[in-house]
Protein backbone atom coordinates (compact mmCIF):
# COMPACT_ATOMS: atom_id res chain seq x y z
CA MET A 1 -12.89 -13.84 -28.90
CA LYS A 2 -14.58 -13.66 -32.13
CA LEU A 3 -16.42 -16.91 -31.81
CA PHE A 4 -17.60 -15.67 -28.28
CA VAL A 5 -18.88 -12.41 -29.88
CA LEU A 6 -20.59 -14.49 -32.60
CA ILE A 7 -22.33 -16.57 -30.33
CA TYR A 8 -23.36 -13.70 -28.23
CA VAL A 9 -25.01 -11.72 -31.06
CA ALA A 10 -26.63 -14.46 -32.37
CA LEU A 11 -27.92 -15.83 -29.13
CA TYR A 12 -29.20 -12.41 -27.90
CA SER A 13 -30.87 -11.53 -30.98
CA SER A 14 -32.43 -14.60 -31.01
CA ILE A 15 -33.96 -13.51 -27.59
CA HIS A 16 -34.85 -10.23 -28.73
CA TYR A 17 -36.78 -11.75 -31.50
CA TYR A 18 -38.80 -13.81 -28.98
CA ILE A 19 -39.29 -10.72 -26.74
CA TYR A 20 -40.65 -8.60 -30.00
CA GLY A 21 -42.94 -11.47 -31.03
CA ARG A 22 -44.50 -11.52 -27.33
CA ILE A 23 -44.93 -7.90 -27.43
CA THR A 24 -46.53 -7.46 -31.04
CA ASN A 25 -48.75 -10.77 -30.42
CA ALA A 26 -50.13 -9.46 -26.94
CA LEU A 27 -50.52 -5.89 -27.75
CA SER A 28 -51.94 -3.87 -30.89
CA VAL A 29 -48.54 -2.12 -31.60
CA PRO A 30 -48.65 0.36 -34.53
CA VAL A 31 -46.18 -0.13 -37.86
CA TYR A 32 -44.24 2.94 -36.66
CA LEU A 33 -43.61 1.62 -33.14
CA LYS A 34 -42.98 -1.91 -34.41
CA ALA A 35 -40.21 -0.26 -36.32
CA ALA A 36 -39.04 1.93 -33.32
CA MET A 37 -38.89 -1.21 -31.10
CA ALA A 38 -36.91 -3.12 -33.86
CA VAL A 39 -34.18 -0.09 -33.92
CA PHE A 40 -34.17 -0.17 -30.25
CA MET A 41 -33.59 -3.90 -29.72
CA ALA A 42 -30.86 -3.53 -32.48
CA LEU A 43 -29.14 -1.18 -30.68
CA MET A 44 -29.28 -2.87 -27.24
CA ILE A 45 -27.99 -5.99 -28.98
CA PHE A 46 -24.77 -4.26 -29.79
CA THR A 47 -24.60 -2.01 -26.72
CA PRO A 48 -22.03 -3.97 -24.90
CA ILE A 49 -19.84 -4.07 -27.73
CA LEU A 50 -20.12 -0.24 -28.18
CA VAL A 51 -19.48 0.21 -24.79
CA ARG A 52 -16.11 -1.37 -25.06
CA PHE A 53 -15.19 0.67 -28.00
CA ALA A 54 -16.00 3.78 -26.24
CA GLU A 55 -13.93 3.04 -23.27
CA MET A 56 -11.09 2.22 -25.63
CA TYR A 57 -11.18 5.48 -27.37
CA GLY A 58 -11.55 7.92 -24.30
CA TYR A 59 -15.29 8.48 -24.55
CA GLU A 60 -16.09 7.52 -20.64
CA HIS A 61 -19.28 9.30 -20.26
CA VAL A 62 -20.79 8.02 -23.39
CA ALA A 63 -19.36 4.38 -22.27
CA ALA A 64 -21.10 5.04 -18.85
CA LEU A 65 -24.31 6.11 -20.57
CA ASP A 66 -24.41 3.42 -22.79
CA ALA A 67 -23.49 0.81 -20.05
CA ASN A 68 -26.28 2.16 -17.66
CA VAL A 69 -28.83 1.73 -20.34
CA GLY A 70 -27.89 -1.36 -22.24
CA TYR A 71 -26.90 -3.43 -19.12
CA THR A 72 -30.17 -2.25 -17.43
CA TRP A 73 -31.98 -3.36 -20.61
CA MET A 74 -30.03 -6.76 -20.34
CA GLY A 75 -31.00 -7.34 -16.89
CA LEU A 76 -34.50 -6.73 -17.62
CA VAL A 77 -34.30 -9.15 -20.36
CA LEU A 78 -32.61 -11.74 -18.10
CA ILE A 79 -35.71 -11.71 -15.90
CA PHE A 80 -38.31 -11.44 -18.44
CA ILE A 81 -37.43 -14.39 -20.36
CA PRO A 82 -37.89 -17.31 -17.58
CA VAL A 83 -40.79 -15.43 -16.29
CA SER A 84 -42.48 -15.38 -19.81
CA ILE A 85 -41.66 -18.98 -20.57
CA SER A 86 -43.29 -19.93 -17.12
CA LEU A 87 -46.33 -18.30 -17.57
CA GLU A 88 -46.76 -18.87 -21.17
CA ILE A 89 -46.37 -22.91 -19.97
CA ILE A 90 -49.03 -22.24 -17.29
CA GLN A 91 -51.19 -20.19 -19.86
CA LEU A 92 -50.88 -23.64 -22.32
CA ILE A 93 -51.77 -26.01 -19.58
CA SER A 94 -54.95 -23.72 -18.55
CA LYS A 95 -56.13 -24.43 -22.39
CA SER A 96 -56.11 -27.88 -22.16
CA GLU A 97 -59.33 -29.26 -22.58
CA LEU A 98 -59.73 -31.21 -19.39
CA LEU A 99 -58.56 -28.25 -17.18
CA SER A 100 -60.53 -25.67 -18.83
CA LYS A 101 -63.60 -27.63 -18.05
CA ILE A 102 -62.53 -27.96 -14.41
CA LEU A 103 -61.24 -24.51 -13.84
CA GLN A 104 -63.30 -22.62 -16.23
CA LEU A 105 -60.35 -20.56 -16.60
CA LYS A 106 -59.39 -18.78 -19.96
CA ILE A 107 -56.30 -16.31 -19.56
CA PRO A 108 -55.89 -13.83 -22.27
CA SER A 109 -52.42 -13.21 -24.15
CA ARG A 110 -52.55 -9.61 -23.08
CA THR A 111 -53.18 -10.25 -19.51
CA VAL A 112 -50.40 -12.89 -19.30
CA PHE A 113 -47.85 -10.48 -21.24
CA LEU A 114 -48.85 -7.45 -18.75
CA LEU A 115 -48.28 -9.93 -15.24
CA THR A 116 -45.04 -10.92 -16.89
CA ILE A 117 -44.06 -7.30 -17.22
CA LEU A 118 -45.30 -6.66 -13.53
CA ILE A 119 -43.39 -9.63 -12.44
CA THR A 120 -40.32 -8.92 -14.27
CA LEU A 121 -40.10 -4.92 -13.12
CA SER A 122 -40.80 -6.13 -9.45
CA ALA A 123 -37.92 -8.44 -9.57
CA TYR A 124 -35.68 -6.15 -11.04
CA ILE A 125 -36.25 -3.54 -8.51
CA TYR A 126 -35.52 -6.35 -5.80
CA ALA A 127 -32.32 -7.31 -7.66
CA PHE A 128 -31.10 -3.85 -7.76
CA ILE A 129 -31.39 -3.43 -4.09
CA GLU A 130 -29.97 -6.65 -3.65
CA ALA A 131 -26.97 -5.76 -5.41
CA ARG A 132 -25.97 -2.83 -3.22
CA THR A 133 -26.72 -4.89 0.05
CA ILE A 134 -23.28 -6.73 0.77
CA ARG A 135 -23.62 -9.61 3.12
CA THR A 136 -20.59 -10.49 5.54
CA GLU A 137 -20.33 -14.29 5.34
CA ARG A 138 -18.38 -15.78 8.22
CA LEU A 139 -16.35 -19.25 8.15
CA THR A 140 -14.27 -20.63 11.00
CA ILE A 141 -11.55 -23.45 10.43
CA LYS A 142 -9.63 -24.96 13.54
CA THR A 143 -6.53 -26.59 12.53
CA SER A 144 -3.64 -28.16 14.13
CA LYS A 145 -1.32 -26.11 11.95
CA ILE A 146 -1.84 -23.12 14.04
CA PRO A 147 0.18 -23.76 17.54
CA LYS A 148 -2.30 -24.14 20.61
CA GLY A 149 -2.26 -20.71 22.51
CA ALA A 150 -1.18 -18.80 19.03
CA ASP A 151 -3.90 -15.82 18.30
CA LYS A 152 -6.61 -16.92 15.39
CA ILE A 153 -5.82 -15.50 12.15
CA LYS A 154 -8.57 -13.34 10.59
CA ILE A 155 -8.68 -13.23 6.90
CA ALA A 156 -11.24 -11.10 4.48
CA GLN A 157 -11.68 -12.54 1.09
CA ILE A 158 -12.96 -10.08 -1.41
CA SER A 159 -13.81 -11.26 -5.30
CA ASP A 160 -15.32 -9.91 -8.57
CA VAL A 161 -15.58 -6.58 -7.33
CA HIS A 162 -15.46 -5.66 -11.29
CA VAL A 163 -14.13 -1.95 -10.64
CA GLY A 164 -15.14 -0.66 -14.12
CA VAL A 165 -17.57 1.37 -15.90
CA LEU A 166 -20.48 0.58 -13.64
CA VAL A 167 -19.00 -0.27 -10.48
CA ARG A 168 -17.37 3.11 -8.97
CA GLU A 169 -17.22 4.82 -5.80
CA SER A 170 -20.50 4.12 -4.54
CA ARG A 171 -20.61 0.48 -5.03
CA ILE A 172 -16.71 0.40 -3.81
CA ARG A 173 -17.70 2.34 -0.25
CA PRO A 174 -20.02 -0.38 1.12
CA ILE A 175 -16.93 -2.84 0.73
CA ILE A 176 -14.55 -0.64 2.29
CA SER A 177 -16.84 -0.05 5.08
CA ILE A 178 -17.13 -3.70 5.83
CA LEU A 179 -13.42 -4.21 5.75
CA LYS A 180 -12.62 -1.38 8.10
CA ARG A 181 -15.24 -2.59 10.63
CA GLU A 182 -13.82 -6.08 10.47
CA ASN A 183 -9.99 -5.13 10.61
CA PRO A 184 -8.94 -8.50 9.43
CA ASP A 185 -5.28 -9.20 9.49
CA MET A 186 -4.84 -9.91 5.79
CA ILE A 187 -7.14 -9.28 2.67
CA LEU A 188 -7.35 -11.39 0.05
CA SER A 189 -8.48 -10.60 -3.34
CA THR A 190 -9.44 -13.91 -5.81
CA GLY A 191 -9.65 -12.16 -9.25
CA ASP A 192 -11.70 -10.09 -11.26
CA PHE A 193 -10.88 -7.05 -9.15
CA VAL A 194 -11.14 -4.76 -12.22
CA ASP A 195 -13.27 -4.66 -15.50
CA GLY A 196 -12.93 -2.64 -18.51
CA GLN A 197 -10.48 0.00 -19.67
CA LEU A 198 -8.91 1.58 -16.70
CA ASP A 199 -7.69 4.80 -18.20
CA HIS A 200 -10.12 6.64 -15.94
CA LEU A 201 -10.05 5.02 -12.67
CA ASN A 202 -6.95 5.89 -11.10
CA GLY A 203 -8.55 7.58 -8.03
CA LEU A 204 -10.55 4.70 -7.26
CA SER A 205 -7.37 2.54 -6.29
CA ASN A 206 -7.07 5.19 -3.68
CA LEU A 207 -10.16 4.11 -1.62
CA PHE A 208 -8.53 0.41 -1.21
CA LEU A 209 -5.22 2.54 0.05
CA GLU A 210 -7.23 3.42 3.19
CA LEU A 211 -7.16 -0.58 3.93
CA LYS A 212 -3.81 -1.37 5.65
CA PRO A 213 -4.07 -4.79 7.38
CA LEU A 214 -1.00 -5.92 9.37
CA SER A 215 -0.13 -9.03 7.54
CA GLY A 216 -0.87 -7.31 4.05
CA LYS A 217 -3.02 -7.56 0.79
CA TYR A 218 -2.72 -10.17 -1.79
CA ALA A 219 -4.17 -10.64 -4.85
CA VAL A 220 -4.68 -13.26 -8.01
CA ILE A 221 -5.71 -12.19 -11.49
CA GLY A 222 -9.18 -13.42 -12.90
CA ASN A 223 -10.29 -13.51 -16.55
CA HIS A 224 -11.42 -9.89 -16.68
CA GLU A 225 -8.02 -8.55 -15.70
CA LEU A 226 -7.17 -10.14 -18.98
CA TYR A 227 -9.62 -8.84 -20.82
CA ALA A 228 -9.12 -5.09 -19.63
CA GLY A 229 -5.66 -5.43 -20.44
CA LEU A 230 -3.37 -7.47 -18.02
CA LYS A 231 -0.57 -4.37 -17.94
CA ASP A 232 -2.63 -1.96 -16.80
CA SER A 233 -4.84 -4.29 -14.67
CA LEU A 234 -1.73 -5.17 -12.70
CA GLU A 235 -0.92 -1.52 -12.20
CA PHE A 236 -4.38 -0.67 -11.05
CA THR A 237 -4.27 -3.61 -8.50
CA LYS A 238 -0.86 -2.84 -7.27
CA LYS A 239 -1.73 1.01 -6.75
CA SER A 240 -4.49 -0.40 -4.62
CA GLY A 241 -2.01 -1.85 -2.32
CA PHE A 242 -2.07 -5.33 -3.38
CA THR A 243 0.70 -7.52 -3.67
CA ILE A 244 0.06 -9.63 -6.67
CA LEU A 245 0.84 -13.52 -6.75
CA ARG A 246 1.75 -15.13 -10.08
CA ASN A 247 2.10 -18.50 -9.58
CA GLU A 248 4.14 -17.70 -6.44
CA ALA A 249 3.64 -18.07 -2.81
CA ILE A 250 4.78 -15.84 0.23
CA THR A 251 5.03 -17.14 3.89
CA VAL A 252 3.17 -14.79 6.32
CA GLY A 253 3.54 -16.57 9.90
CA PHE A 254 1.79 -19.68 10.12
CA LEU A 255 0.35 -19.14 6.65
CA ASN A 256 1.42 -19.99 3.25
CA ILE A 257 -0.42 -17.63 0.71
CA ALA A 258 -0.02 -19.25 -2.72
CA GLY A 259 -1.67 -17.70 -6.09
CA VAL A 260 -2.05 -18.64 -9.60
CA ASP A 261 -3.09 -16.90 -12.91
CA ASP A 262 -6.53 -17.58 -14.20
CA LYS A 263 -6.83 -20.38 -16.71
CA ASP A 264 -7.27 -17.91 -19.89
CA ILE A 265 -3.69 -16.76 -19.41
CA SER A 266 -2.95 -19.30 -22.02
CA ARG A 267 -5.35 -17.75 -24.95
CA PHE A 268 -2.79 -14.56 -24.36
CA ASN A 269 0.33 -16.46 -25.49
CA ILE A 270 1.78 -16.09 -22.15
CA VAL A 271 3.92 -19.24 -20.69
CA GLU A 272 3.36 -20.33 -17.15
CA THR A 273 6.71 -20.43 -15.15
CA LYS A 274 5.31 -23.29 -12.70
CA THR A 275 2.27 -25.39 -12.58
CA GLU A 276 -0.06 -25.30 -9.40
CA PRO A 277 1.27 -28.85 -7.88
CA ASP A 278 4.61 -27.75 -8.23
CA LEU A 279 4.23 -24.19 -6.75
CA LEU A 280 2.26 -25.81 -3.66
CA SER A 281 4.69 -28.93 -3.42
CA GLY A 282 7.73 -26.61 -2.40
CA LEU A 283 5.99 -24.89 0.46
CA PRO A 284 6.50 -25.68 3.99
CA ARG A 285 4.06 -28.40 4.89
CA LYS A 286 3.92 -27.45 8.54
CA ASN A 287 2.12 -24.32 7.64
CA PHE A 288 -1.70 -23.84 6.87
CA THR A 289 -1.80 -23.29 2.92
CA ILE A 290 -4.35 -21.00 1.36
CA LEU A 291 -4.45 -21.24 -2.56
CA LEU A 292 -5.90 -18.24 -4.26
CA LYS A 293 -7.47 -19.28 -7.42
CA HIS A 294 -9.93 -17.06 -9.62
CA ARG A 295 -12.15 -19.92 -10.88
CA PRO A 296 -13.25 -22.93 -8.57
CA ILE A 297 -11.53 -25.45 -10.58
CA ILE A 298 -9.86 -28.42 -8.71
CA ASN A 299 -6.62 -29.48 -9.54
CA PRO A 300 -6.55 -33.34 -8.75
CA ASP A 301 -2.60 -33.28 -8.43
CA SER A 302 -3.25 -30.33 -6.02
CA ILE A 303 -5.27 -32.06 -3.50
CA GLY A 304 -3.89 -32.69 -0.26
CA GLN A 305 -1.16 -29.85 -0.71
CA PHE A 306 -3.39 -27.03 0.31
CA ASP A 307 -5.88 -26.58 3.15
CA LEU A 308 -8.09 -24.06 1.74
CA GLN A 309 -8.73 -23.13 -1.79
CA LEU A 310 -10.29 -19.39 -2.20
CA SER A 311 -12.24 -18.95 -5.62
CA GLY A 312 -14.67 -16.80 -7.04
CA HIS A 313 -15.76 -16.14 -10.64
CA THR A 314 -19.35 -17.54 -10.61
CA HIS A 315 -21.01 -14.84 -8.93
CA GLY A 316 -23.34 -17.30 -7.47
CA GLY A 317 -25.22 -17.23 -10.65
CA GLN A 318 -25.62 -13.48 -10.26
CA ILE A 319 -29.42 -13.75 -11.46
CA PHE A 320 -31.34 -16.43 -10.71
CA PRO A 321 -32.38 -19.03 -12.35
CA TYR A 322 -29.08 -18.77 -14.20
CA SER A 323 -27.78 -19.64 -10.76
CA VAL A 324 -28.03 -23.66 -11.79
CA PHE A 325 -25.30 -23.16 -14.49
CA PRO A 326 -22.28 -22.55 -12.31
CA HIS A 327 -23.16 -25.50 -10.07
CA LEU A 328 -23.32 -27.91 -13.25
CA LEU A 329 -20.23 -26.46 -14.73
CA PHE A 330 -17.91 -26.56 -11.85
CA ARG A 331 -19.95 -29.28 -9.33
CA ILE A 332 -19.10 -26.46 -6.48
CA ASN A 333 -21.71 -24.85 -4.40
CA SER A 334 -21.10 -21.23 -3.08
CA GLY A 335 -19.80 -21.36 0.48
CA TYR A 336 -17.65 -23.96 1.92
CA ASN A 337 -17.00 -27.17 0.48
CA MET A 338 -14.59 -30.28 1.96
CA LEU A 339 -12.64 -32.23 -0.67
CA SER A 340 -10.42 -34.81 0.16
CA LYS A 341 -7.10 -35.41 1.88
CA GLY A 342 -7.58 -32.63 4.22
CA SER A 343 -8.17 -29.90 1.51
CA SER A 344 -11.25 -27.66 1.23
CA ILE A 345 -12.74 -24.83 -0.87
CA TYR A 346 -14.53 -21.75 -0.39
CA LEU A 347 -16.57 -20.25 -3.27
CA ASN A 348 -17.26 -16.34 -2.98
CA ARG A 349 -20.45 -14.84 -4.69
CA GLY A 350 -18.45 -11.80 -5.17
CA ALA A 351 -19.08 -8.25 -4.33
CA GLY A 352 -19.76 -6.32 -7.40
CA THR A 353 -21.66 -7.42 -10.57
CA TRP A 354 -20.83 -8.18 -14.25
CA GLY A 355 -23.02 -6.76 -17.22
CA PRO A 356 -26.56 -6.03 -15.59
CA PRO A 357 -26.09 -3.96 -12.20
CA ILE A 358 -28.20 -6.40 -10.31
CA ARG A 359 -28.11 -9.68 -8.29
CA LEU A 360 -31.40 -12.16 -7.77
CA LEU A 361 -31.18 -14.38 -5.11
CA ALA A 362 -27.52 -14.36 -5.31
CA PRO A 363 -26.25 -11.63 -2.93
CA PRO A 364 -22.95 -9.95 -2.96
CA GLU A 365 -20.47 -10.63 -0.20
CA VAL A 366 -17.31 -10.27 1.75
CA THR A 367 -15.99 -13.17 3.40
CA ILE A 368 -14.53 -13.23 6.99
CA ILE A 369 -12.34 -16.49 7.54
CA GLU A 370 -11.17 -16.92 11.05
CA ILE A 371 -8.34 -19.64 11.29
CA GLU A 372 -7.70 -20.75 14.68
CA PRO A 373 -5.78 -23.47 16.59
CA LEU A 374 -7.60 -26.64 17.86
CA GLU A 375 -8.58 -26.62 21.40
């Protein structure tokens, strides 16, 4: 964790140094405003850390204020950087001798900077709205493991809700509304259900208690359950009505539901009692097996032992163009992906947000999966 903090501070400081230079080079900024900018940017760099400390010591309102300011700024920064670099490249190309003669075009630095600000603000507003516009994605799977003549099984998958300092009732209610409207037989949560300190979130668990699917609600832990404190995270998830599967499996009708802990569990000196392949190998093969696993990591020894892996974690990149990084890391696209030996994986973009309260070209989702017999 210390290494992560050092890398974060170094990288985020460098980004702010670049932004400071862009502002001062493009605009005539008085010395006192330069000093004020430097102080503000230094505060913004350390705000995410300050939020965690404010939560830890029970200063809920301070944490909420810091988070709203700091993460809004972070969202603007993350959009500003690619826009700024792209426009600077265009400006540099336009200055080339050949293009200057052809186009007779010179773009002042001030104009480029103001255009960058306009595009950044416009994209942020769009991304803020998109983060609150939850899509219902649908997937139908036909399988011989559901007997002919049996009713189809309707499952709802939620992931990466990140209930915490920024994701409160106003962000949770639309998720609840979708689930109530769809009325699934079962609800499955694939990790990062919570985020941050949970001392003041007890009332929010009652929202999820409104959901009472006939075949139950099941969840696995993600990395943020560990960061928030495993004991409190488990308690909150249970209060929300979920049965937590920790390297455990349960058979419900024609389905095996298996769940494994997030891989970061090893960093907290918690010893795993059963490996994923061992867990899956002990399940009835005649049933359709669903594996709940927070990260879209495919264990080669598990291939063929599950029919469908449900994962989250990546948020679909959350903010374009950073969406390229999850794909490079996990080699799995958001949505449905066929594997080998009859296995498949569905990667959910998540319903909430982490950090900046925005999503740019990575809309939040609740997934409705219908499993039905072959005709």
